[in-house]
C-alpha cells in the first residue's frame, strides 16, 4: 500500500490517498487538510504520522485510528518532523526562542526522556532540514552558516545522547530535502541517499564520504526494507528500484 499527499482541486488544501500496489486502485485515506510532517511504518504494520503538534497511529489501511498523543502544548512551539525507532519517539520542533529541539520519548509510555538543544549543540548550523536514524547513528540534513548544505553524522549513545562524528558537505546542492539511509548487505555498507529536487540530483554518501550524484528530480524517496526497494516520487509517477537487482552498481561503490 502506498500513501501520498497531493494538492486538492482548489489548490488551497491537501488530499491524502492510498494506492494498492496489487491493482493500482486509489482509496481515500479519510483525513485531509492535515499538515503531515512525517509518516512511517511500524513492525506491526501500523502507520504513524506526526502533525504540527500531535502524534497519531493508524491501522495499515487507515480505516481505524489506534491512538493519538499531544506532543506540544505550547502554541509558540512548532513541530518539524518525527521518527519512531527502536521503541523511542524522536520529535524535532522549534521552541519559542526559535531554537531547534530534539525531544526523545519512550514509545510505549510516551514518557519524556530527554531534550537535545540542537541550536546550542551545533552553532555552525543555520537550518535543520530533515533527520533520520539507522542503527546507532542519527543523520541530520542541515544548511550551514556558509549557506552550504551538509550531513551531520552523530553517534546515538543509548539512543538518548548525540555526539557529532563527522560532517559531510553536499556538492552542487541547491535545496536538499530528505535523507534515506539504506544498508546494503552484500557490501556491508550503509548508503545515504539525499534527494535534491531543486538541483534535480540525488546525492549519494558511502562510508561517511561523498560518493557521487545522479541526475534525477525526486520530490520524495522512501526505503521499504521488507521488499528491499527504494520508492521515488517523480512528476509523472512513483517508481521503484530493487536493491538486490543493482549489485553491479553497489559493488563498484567504494
C-alpha atoms as a PDB file:
ATOM      1  CA  UNK A   1       0.000   0.000   0.000  1.00  0.00           C
ATOM      2  CA  UNK A   2       1.367   3.429  -0.996  1.00  0.00           C
ATOM      3  CA  UNK A   3       0.431   6.614   0.854  1.00  0.00           C
ATOM      4  CA  UNK A   4       0.833  10.073  -0.588  1.00  0.00           C
ATOM      5  CA  UNK A   5      -0.405  13.633  -0.256  1.00  0.00           C
ATOM      6  CA  UNK A   6      -1.304  15.905  -3.131  1.00  0.00           C
ATOM      7  CA  UNK A   7      -2.941  19.269  -3.575  1.00  0.00           C
ATOM      8  CA  UNK A   8      -6.721  19.169  -3.855  1.00  0.00           C
ATOM      9  CA  UNK A   9      -8.514  20.610  -6.868  1.00  0.00           C
ATOM     10  CA  UNK A  10      -8.881  24.026  -5.259  1.00  0.00           C
ATOM     11  CA  UNK A  11      -5.096  24.147  -4.504  1.00  0.00           C
ATOM     12  CA  UNK A  12      -5.848  25.505  -1.012  1.00  0.00           C
ATOM     13  CA  UNK A  13      -5.900  22.189   0.818  1.00  0.00           C
ATOM     14  CA  UNK A  14      -4.182  18.811   0.941  1.00  0.00           C
ATOM     15  CA  UNK A  15      -5.710  15.493  -0.036  1.00  0.00           C
ATOM     16  CA  UNK A  16      -4.323  12.143   1.166  1.00  0.00           C
ATOM     17  CA  UNK A  17      -4.753   8.964  -0.856  1.00  0.00           C
ATOM     18  CA  UNK A  18      -3.769   5.303  -0.649  1.00  0.00           C
ATOM     19  CA  UNK A  19      -2.758   3.228  -3.676  1.00  0.00           C
ATOM     20  CA  UNK A  20      -2.955  -0.567  -3.604  1.00  0.00           C
ATOM     21  CA  UNK A  21       0.154  -1.830  -5.435  1.00  0.00           C
ATOM     22  CA  UNK A  22      -1.565  -5.083  -6.426  1.00  0.00           C
ATOM     23  CA  UNK A  23      -4.184  -3.344  -8.561  1.00  0.00           C
ATOM     24  CA  UNK A  24      -3.147   0.370  -8.568  1.00  0.00           C
ATOM     25  CA  UNK A  25      -6.596   1.357  -7.271  1.00  0.00           C
ATOM     26  CA  UNK A  26      -6.782   4.600  -5.275  1.00  0.00           C
ATOM     27  CA  UNK A  27      -8.513   4.776  -1.922  1.00  0.00           C
ATOM     28  CA  UNK A  28      -9.448   7.763   0.211  1.00  0.00           C
ATOM     29  CA  UNK A  29      -7.489   7.948   3.476  1.00  0.00           C
ATOM     30  CA  UNK A  30     -10.308   9.739   5.337  1.00  0.00           C
ATOM     31  CA  UNK A  31      -8.206  12.650   6.521  1.00  0.00           C
ATOM     32  CA  UNK A  32      -7.464  15.846   4.650  1.00  0.00           C
ATOM     33  CA  UNK A  33      -6.185  19.336   5.329  1.00  0.00           C
ATOM     34  CA  UNK A  34      -3.812  17.872   7.915  1.00  0.00           C
ATOM     35  CA  UNK A  35      -0.277  19.210   7.796  1.00  0.00           C
ATOM     36  CA  UNK A  36       1.626  15.917   7.930  1.00  0.00           C
ATOM     37  CA  UNK A  37       5.245  16.486   8.921  1.00  0.00           C
ATOM     38  CA  UNK A  38       6.396  12.847   8.893  1.00  0.00           C
ATOM     39  CA  UNK A  39       4.922   9.452   8.146  1.00  0.00           C
ATOM     40  CA  UNK A  40       6.229   5.913   8.592  1.00  0.00           C
ATOM     41  CA  UNK A  41       5.513   2.252   9.261  1.00  0.00           C
ATOM     42  CA  UNK A  42       5.953   0.163  12.392  1.00  0.00           C
ATOM     43  CA  UNK A  43       6.850  -3.523  12.594  1.00  0.00           C
ATOM     44  CA  UNK A  44       3.242  -4.449  13.410  1.00  0.00           C
ATOM     45  CA  UNK A  45       2.202  -2.991  10.010  1.00  0.00           C
ATOM     46  CA  UNK A  46       0.551   0.020  11.592  1.00  0.00           C
ATOM     47  CA  UNK A  47       1.175   3.522  10.257  1.00  0.00           C
ATOM     48  CA  UNK A  48       2.299   6.511  12.296  1.00  0.00           C
ATOM     49  CA  UNK A  49       2.288  10.167  11.404  1.00  0.00           C
ATOM     50  CA  UNK A  50       3.416  13.392  13.014  1.00  0.00           C
ATOM     51  CA  UNK A  51       1.494  16.619  12.550  1.00  0.00           C
ATOM     52  CA  UNK A  52       2.478  20.054  13.814  1.00  0.00           C
ATOM     53  CA  UNK A  53       1.742  19.184  17.458  1.00  0.00           C
ATOM     54  CA  UNK A  54       0.489  15.617  17.623  1.00  0.00           C
ATOM     55  CA  UNK A  55       1.416  12.003  17.005  1.00  0.00           C
ATOM     56  CA  UNK A  56      -1.125   9.533  15.552  1.00  0.00           C
ATOM     57  CA  UNK A  57      -1.093   5.790  14.918  1.00  0.00           C
ATOM     58  CA  UNK A  58      -3.445   4.156  12.406  1.00  0.00           C
ATOM     59  CA  UNK A  59      -4.253   0.668  11.180  1.00  0.00           C
ATOM     60  CA  UNK A  60      -2.462  -0.340   7.974  1.00  0.00           C
ATOM     61  CA  UNK A  61      -5.344   0.793   5.741  1.00  0.00           C
ATOM     62  CA  UNK A  62      -6.115   3.985   7.699  1.00  0.00           C
ATOM     63  CA  UNK A  63      -9.594   2.671   8.491  1.00  0.00           C
ATOM     64  CA  UNK A  64      -9.049   2.925  12.240  1.00  0.00           C
ATOM     65  CA  UNK A  65      -7.164   5.425  14.404  1.00  0.00           C
ATOM     66  CA  UNK A  66      -5.486   3.405  17.151  1.00  0.00           C
ATOM     67  CA  UNK A  67      -4.249   6.241  19.370  1.00  0.00           C
ATOM     68  CA  UNK A  68      -3.192   9.877  19.412  1.00  0.00           C
ATOM     69  CA  UNK A  69      -0.930  11.922  21.656  1.00  0.00           C
ATOM     70  CA  UNK A  70      -0.289  15.638  22.039  1.00  0.00           C
ATOM     71  CA  UNK A  71       3.449  16.306  21.829  1.00  0.00           C
ATOM     72  CA  UNK A  72       3.427  20.112  22.041  1.00  0.00           C
ATOM     73  CA  UNK A  73       1.119  22.080  24.329  1.00  0.00           C
ATOM     74  CA  UNK A  74       2.692  25.499  23.848  1.00  0.00           C
ATOM     75  CA  UNK A  75       1.205  27.428  20.935  1.00  0.00           C
ATOM     76  CA  UNK A  76       4.505  29.169  20.186  1.00  0.00           C
ATOM     77  CA  UNK A  77       6.219  25.811  19.594  1.00  0.00           C
ATOM     78  CA  UNK A  78       6.091  24.275  16.117  1.00  0.00           C
ATOM     79  CA  UNK A  79       6.772  20.669  15.136  1.00  0.00           C
ATOM     80  CA  UNK A  80       9.053  19.912  12.173  1.00  0.00           C
ATOM     81  CA  UNK A  81       9.359  16.139  11.840  1.00  0.00           C
ATOM     82  CA  UNK A  82       9.414  12.930  13.821  1.00  0.00           C
ATOM     83  CA  UNK A  83      10.623   9.310  13.750  1.00  0.00           C
ATOM     84  CA  UNK A  84       9.916   6.156  15.728  1.00  0.00           C
ATOM     85  CA  UNK A  85      12.987   3.963  16.052  1.00  0.00           C
ATOM     86  CA  UNK A  86      13.781   1.109  18.451  1.00  0.00           C
ATOM     87  CA  UNK A  87      10.844   1.926  20.769  1.00  0.00           C
ATOM     88  CA  UNK A  88      11.750   5.598  21.036  1.00  0.00           C
ATOM     89  CA  UNK A  89       9.987   8.643  19.599  1.00  0.00           C
ATOM     90  CA  UNK A  90      12.276  11.332  18.217  1.00  0.00           C
ATOM     91  CA  UNK A  91      10.462  14.624  17.621  1.00  0.00           C
ATOM     92  CA  UNK A  92      12.146  17.732  16.241  1.00  0.00           C
ATOM     93  CA  UNK A  93      10.485  21.097  16.880  1.00  0.00           C
ATOM     94  CA  UNK A  94      11.163  24.837  17.132  1.00  0.00           C
ATOM     95  CA  UNK A  95      10.650  26.445  20.563  1.00  0.00           C
ATOM     96  CA  UNK A  96       9.621  29.997  21.438  1.00  0.00           C
ATOM     97  CA  UNK A  97      13.266  31.135  21.223  1.00  0.00           C
ATOM     98  CA  UNK A  98      13.476  29.876  17.620  1.00  0.00           C
ATOM     99  CA  UNK A  99      15.800  27.078  18.738  1.00  0.00           C
ATOM    100  CA  UNK A 100      15.616  23.607  17.223  1.00  0.00           C
ATOM    101  CA  UNK A 101      14.951  20.953  19.859  1.00  0.00           C
ATOM    102  CA  UNK A 102      15.147  17.175  19.506  1.00  0.00           C
ATOM    103  CA  UNK A 103      12.761  15.634  22.028  1.00  0.00           C
ATOM    104  CA  UNK A 104      13.118  11.923  22.888  1.00  0.00           C
ATOM    105  CA  UNK A 105      10.235   9.936  24.387  1.00  0.00           C
ATOM    106  CA  UNK A 106       9.563   6.309  25.269  1.00  0.00           C
ATOM    107  CA  UNK A 107       7.201   4.922  22.626  1.00  0.00           C
ATOM    108  CA  UNK A 108       5.354   2.544  24.954  1.00  0.00           C
ATOM    109  CA  UNK A 109       4.655   5.016  27.759  1.00  0.00           C
ATOM    110  CA  UNK A 110       5.036   8.353  25.867  1.00  0.00           C
ATOM    111  CA  UNK A 111       7.173   9.384  28.834  1.00  0.00           C
ATOM    112  CA  UNK A 112       9.618  12.200  28.107  1.00  0.00           C
ATOM    113  CA  UNK A 113      13.259  11.089  28.371  1.00  0.00           C
ATOM    114  CA  UNK A 114      15.484  13.884  27.132  1.00  0.00           C
ATOM    115  CA  UNK A 115      15.700  17.112  25.132  1.00  0.00           C
ATOM    116  CA  UNK A 116      18.681  17.973  22.959  1.00  0.00           C
ATOM    117  CA  UNK A 117      19.034  21.646  22.050  1.00  0.00           C
ATOM    118  CA  UNK A 118      20.365  21.260  18.516  1.00  0.00           C
ATOM    119  CA  UNK A 119      20.816  25.016  18.024  1.00  0.00           C
ATOM    120  CA  UNK A 120      23.174  25.207  21.002  1.00  0.00           C
ATOM    121  CA  UNK A 121      24.877  21.925  20.176  1.00  0.00           C
ATOM    122  CA  UNK A 122      25.614  22.882  16.561  1.00  0.00           C
ATOM    123  CA  UNK A 123      26.100  26.685  16.413  1.00  0.00           C
ATOM    124  CA  UNK A 124      27.553  26.435  12.885  1.00  0.00           C
ATOM    125  CA  UNK A 125      24.177  25.233  11.547  1.00  0.00           C
ATOM    126  CA  UNK A 126      21.806  27.789  10.046  1.00  0.00           C
ATOM    127  CA  UNK A 127      18.837  25.479   9.453  1.00  0.00           C
ATOM    128  CA  UNK A 128      17.859  21.856  10.095  1.00  0.00           C
ATOM    129  CA  UNK A 129      16.131  20.373   7.042  1.00  0.00           C
ATOM    130  CA  UNK A 130      15.500  16.746   7.964  1.00  0.00           C
ATOM    131  CA  UNK A 131      16.796  13.891  10.097  1.00  0.00           C
ATOM    132  CA  UNK A 132      16.724  10.105  10.146  1.00  0.00           C
ATOM    133  CA  UNK A 133      18.062   7.270  12.289  1.00  0.00           C
ATOM    134  CA  UNK A 134      19.692   3.983  11.366  1.00  0.00           C
ATOM    135  CA  UNK A 135      21.458   1.538  13.653  1.00  0.00           C
ATOM    136  CA  UNK A 136      23.312   3.625  16.269  1.00  0.00           C
ATOM    137  CA  UNK A 137      23.555   6.780  14.190  1.00  0.00           C
ATOM    138  CA  UNK A 138      21.366   9.815  13.681  1.00  0.00           C
ATOM    139  CA  UNK A 139      21.801  11.798  10.474  1.00  0.00           C
ATOM    140  CA  UNK A 140      20.881  15.491  10.183  1.00  0.00           C
ATOM    141  CA  UNK A 141      20.462  17.225   6.832  1.00  0.00           C
ATOM    142  CA  UNK A 142      21.420  20.861   7.509  1.00  0.00           C
ATOM    143  CA  UNK A 143      22.187  24.193   5.919  1.00  0.00           C
ATOM    144  CA  UNK A 144      25.395  25.618   7.338  1.00  0.00           C
ATOM    145  CA  UNK A 145      26.040  29.267   8.196  1.00  0.00           C
ATOM    146  CA  UNK A 146      28.090  29.371   4.988  1.00  0.00           C
ATOM    147  CA  UNK A 147      24.806  28.532   3.153  1.00  0.00           C
ATOM    148  CA  UNK A 148      26.261  25.215   2.016  1.00  0.00           C
ATOM    149  CA  UNK A 149      24.368  22.008   2.757  1.00  0.00           C
ATOM    150  CA  UNK A 150      25.791  19.087   4.697  1.00  0.00           C
ATOM    151  CA  UNK A 151      25.041  15.860   6.528  1.00  0.00           C
ATOM    152  CA  UNK A 152      25.915  15.669  10.235  1.00  0.00           C
ATOM    153  CA  UNK A 153      26.607  12.086  11.263  1.00  0.00           C
ATOM    154  CA  UNK A 154      26.122  11.651  15.005  1.00  0.00           C
ATOM    155  CA  UNK A 155      26.517   8.667  17.301  1.00  0.00           C
ATOM    156  CA  UNK A 156      23.468   7.864  19.423  1.00  0.00           C
ATOM    157  CA  UNK A 157      24.571   6.906  22.920  1.00  0.00           C
ATOM    158  CA  UNK A 158      21.951   4.520  24.354  1.00  0.00           C
ATOM    159  CA  UNK A 159      19.534   6.058  21.828  1.00  0.00           C
ATOM    160  CA  UNK A 160      19.368   9.151  24.061  1.00  0.00           C
ATOM    161  CA  UNK A 161      22.511  11.300  23.762  1.00  0.00           C
ATOM    162  CA  UNK A 162      24.026  12.503  20.490  1.00  0.00           C
ATOM    163  CA  UNK A 163      27.689  13.035  19.685  1.00  0.00           C
ATOM    164  CA  UNK A 164      28.931  14.525  16.412  1.00  0.00           C
ATOM    165  CA  UNK A 165      31.119  12.076  14.476  1.00  0.00           C
ATOM    166  CA  UNK A 166      31.617  13.768  11.104  1.00  0.00           C
ATOM    167  CA  UNK A 167      30.304  16.463   8.753  1.00  0.00           C
ATOM    168  CA  UNK A 168      29.976  15.824   5.026  1.00  0.00           C
ATOM    169  CA  UNK A 169      29.229  18.697   2.650  1.00  0.00           C
ATOM    170  CA  UNK A 170      26.968  18.058  -0.340  1.00  0.00           C
ATOM    171  CA  UNK A 171      28.398  19.116  -3.692  1.00  0.00           C
ATOM    172  CA  UNK A 172      26.327  21.323  -6.013  1.00  0.00           C
ATOM    173  CA  UNK A 173      23.386  21.220  -3.583  1.00  0.00           C
ATOM    174  CA  UNK A 174      20.500  23.623  -4.149  1.00  0.00           C
ATOM    175  CA  UNK A 175      17.827  22.698  -1.580  1.00  0.00           C
ATOM    176  CA  UNK A 176      18.096  19.046  -0.456  1.00  0.00           C
ATOM    177  CA  UNK A 177      15.039  17.949   1.474  1.00  0.00           C
ATOM    178  CA  UNK A 178      15.241  14.330   2.603  1.00  0.00           C
ATOM    179  CA  UNK A 179      17.743  11.675   3.755  1.00  0.00           C
ATOM    180  CA  UNK A 180      17.219   7.965   3.173  1.00  0.00           C
ATOM    181  CA  UNK A 181      19.717   5.520   4.791  1.00  0.00           C
ATOM    182  CA  UNK A 182      19.977   2.012   3.312  1.00  0.00           C
ATOM    183  CA  UNK A 183      22.123  -0.889   4.458  1.00  0.00           C
ATOM    184  CA  UNK A 184      23.475  -2.907   1.517  1.00  0.00           C
ATOM    185  CA  UNK A 185      24.011  -6.456   2.871  1.00  0.00           C
ATOM    186  CA  UNK A 186      26.252  -7.766   0.078  1.00  0.00           C
ATOM    187  CA  UNK A 187      28.677  -4.845   0.558  1.00  0.00           C
ATOM    188  CA  UNK A 188      28.142  -4.455   4.323  1.00  0.00           C
ATOM    189  CA  UNK A 189      27.930  -0.691   3.849  1.00  0.00           C
ATOM    190  CA  UNK A 190      25.372   1.954   4.785  1.00  0.00           C
ATOM    191  CA  UNK A 191      24.478   4.219   1.874  1.00  0.00           C
ATOM    192  CA  UNK A 192      22.808   7.611   2.316  1.00  0.00           C
ATOM    193  CA  UNK A 193      20.595   8.933  -0.469  1.00  0.00           C
ATOM    194  CA  UNK A 194      19.678  12.645  -0.313  1.00  0.00           C
ATOM    195  CA  UNK A 195      17.117  13.959  -2.791  1.00  0.00           C
ATOM    196  CA  UNK A 196      17.635  17.495  -4.065  1.00  0.00           C
ATOM    197  CA  UNK A 197      14.623  18.298  -6.235  1.00  0.00           C
ATOM    198  CA  UNK A 198      15.676  21.908  -6.913  1.00  0.00           C
ATOM    199  CA  UNK A 199      19.011  20.785  -8.338  1.00  0.00           C
ATOM    200  CA  UNK A 200      17.406  17.707  -9.953  1.00  0.00           C
ATOM    201  CA  UNK A 201      20.051  15.431  -8.453  1.00  0.00           C
ATOM    202  CA  UNK A 202      20.307  12.618  -5.940  1.00  0.00           C
ATOM    203  CA  UNK A 203      23.356  12.817  -3.652  1.00  0.00           C
ATOM    204  CA  UNK A 204      24.985   9.548  -2.542  1.00  0.00           C
ATOM    205  CA  UNK A 205      27.183   9.144   0.547  1.00  0.00           C
ATOM    206  CA  UNK A 206      29.018   5.890   1.297  1.00  0.00           C
ATOM    207  CA  UNK A 207      31.265   5.109   4.273  1.00  0.00           C
ATOM    208  CA  UNK A 208      30.920   8.710   5.506  1.00  0.00           C
ATOM    209  CA  UNK A 209      32.308  10.089   2.218  1.00  0.00           C
ATOM    210  CA  UNK A 210      30.592  11.888  -0.638  1.00  0.00           C
ATOM    211  CA  UNK A 211      30.481   9.307  -3.443  1.00  0.00           C
ATOM    212  CA  UNK A 212      28.643  10.867  -6.392  1.00  0.00           C
ATOM    213  CA  UNK A 213      25.394  12.478  -7.565  1.00  0.00           C
ATOM    214  CA  UNK A 214      22.833  11.109 -10.017  1.00  0.00           C
ATOM    215  CA  UNK A 215      20.617  13.206 -12.260  1.00  0.00           C
ATOM    216  CA  UNK A 216      17.031  12.669 -11.046  1.00  0.00           C
ATOM    217  CA  UNK A 217      14.292  15.084  -9.923  1.00  0.00           C
ATOM    218  CA  UNK A 218      12.639  13.305  -6.992  1.00  0.00           C
ATOM    219  CA  UNK A 219      10.083  15.012  -4.770  1.00  0.00           C
ATOM    220  CA  UNK A 220      10.439  12.253  -2.190  1.00  0.00           C
ATOM    221  CA  UNK A 221      12.122   8.908  -1.660  1.00  0.00           C
ATOM    222  CA  UNK A 222      11.413   6.094   0.759  1.00  0.00           C
ATOM    223  CA  UNK A 223      13.093   2.771   1.517  1.00  0.00           C
ATOM    224  CA  UNK A 224      10.860  -0.240   2.126  1.00  0.00           C
ATOM    225  CA  UNK A 225      13.173  -2.666   3.931  1.00  0.00           C
ATOM    226  CA  UNK A 226      10.810  -5.653   3.795  1.00  0.00           C
ATOM    227  CA  UNK A 227      10.968  -5.742  -0.020  1.00  0.00           C
ATOM    228  CA  UNK A 228      14.420  -4.110  -0.235  1.00  0.00           C
ATOM    229  CA  UNK A 229      13.034  -1.423  -2.549  1.00  0.00           C
ATOM    230  CA  UNK A 230      13.544   2.325  -2.932  1.00  0.00           C
ATOM    231  CA  UNK A 231      10.497   4.369  -3.969  1.00  0.00           C
ATOM    232  CA  UNK A 232      10.981   7.581  -5.947  1.00  0.00           C
ATOM    233  CA  UNK A 233       8.176  10.124  -6.312  1.00  0.00           C
ATOM    234  CA  UNK A 234       8.666  11.950  -9.623  1.00  0.00           C
ATOM    235  CA  UNK A 235       6.496  14.412 -11.521  1.00  0.00           C
ATOM    236  CA  UNK A 236       4.889  11.719 -13.649  1.00  0.00           C
ATOM    237  CA  UNK A 237       4.541   8.888 -11.155  1.00  0.00           C
ATOM    238  CA  UNK A 238       6.025   6.677  -8.446  1.00  0.00           C
ATOM    239  CA  UNK A 239       8.932   4.405  -9.406  1.00  0.00           C
ATOM    240  CA  UNK A 240      10.804   1.673  -7.541  1.00  0.00           C
ATOM    241  CA  UNK A 241      14.295   0.189  -7.635  1.00  0.00           C
ATOM    242  CA  UNK A 242      15.068  -3.182  -6.092  1.00  0.00           C
ATOM    243  CA  UNK A 243      18.414  -3.115  -4.263  1.00  0.00           C
ATOM    244  CA  UNK A 244      19.060  -6.805  -4.955  1.00  0.00           C
ATOM    245  CA  UNK A 245      18.892  -6.107  -8.690  1.00  0.00           C
ATOM    246  CA  UNK A 246      21.516  -3.335  -8.514  1.00  0.00           C
ATOM    247  CA  UNK A 247      24.521  -5.355  -7.334  1.00  0.00           C
ATOM    248  CA  UNK A 248      26.735  -4.201 -10.190  1.00  0.00           C
ATOM    249  CA  UNK A 249      26.262  -0.564  -9.154  1.00  0.00           C
ATOM    250  CA  UNK A 250      26.730  -1.008  -5.421  1.00  0.00           C
ATOM    251  CA  UNK A 251      29.666  -3.399  -5.700  1.00  0.00           C
ATOM    252  CA  UNK A 252      31.545  -0.639  -7.528  1.00  0.00           C
ATOM    253  CA  UNK A 253      30.946   1.794  -4.671  1.00  0.00           C
ATOM    254  CA  UNK A 254      33.984   2.431  -2.526  1.00  0.00           C
END
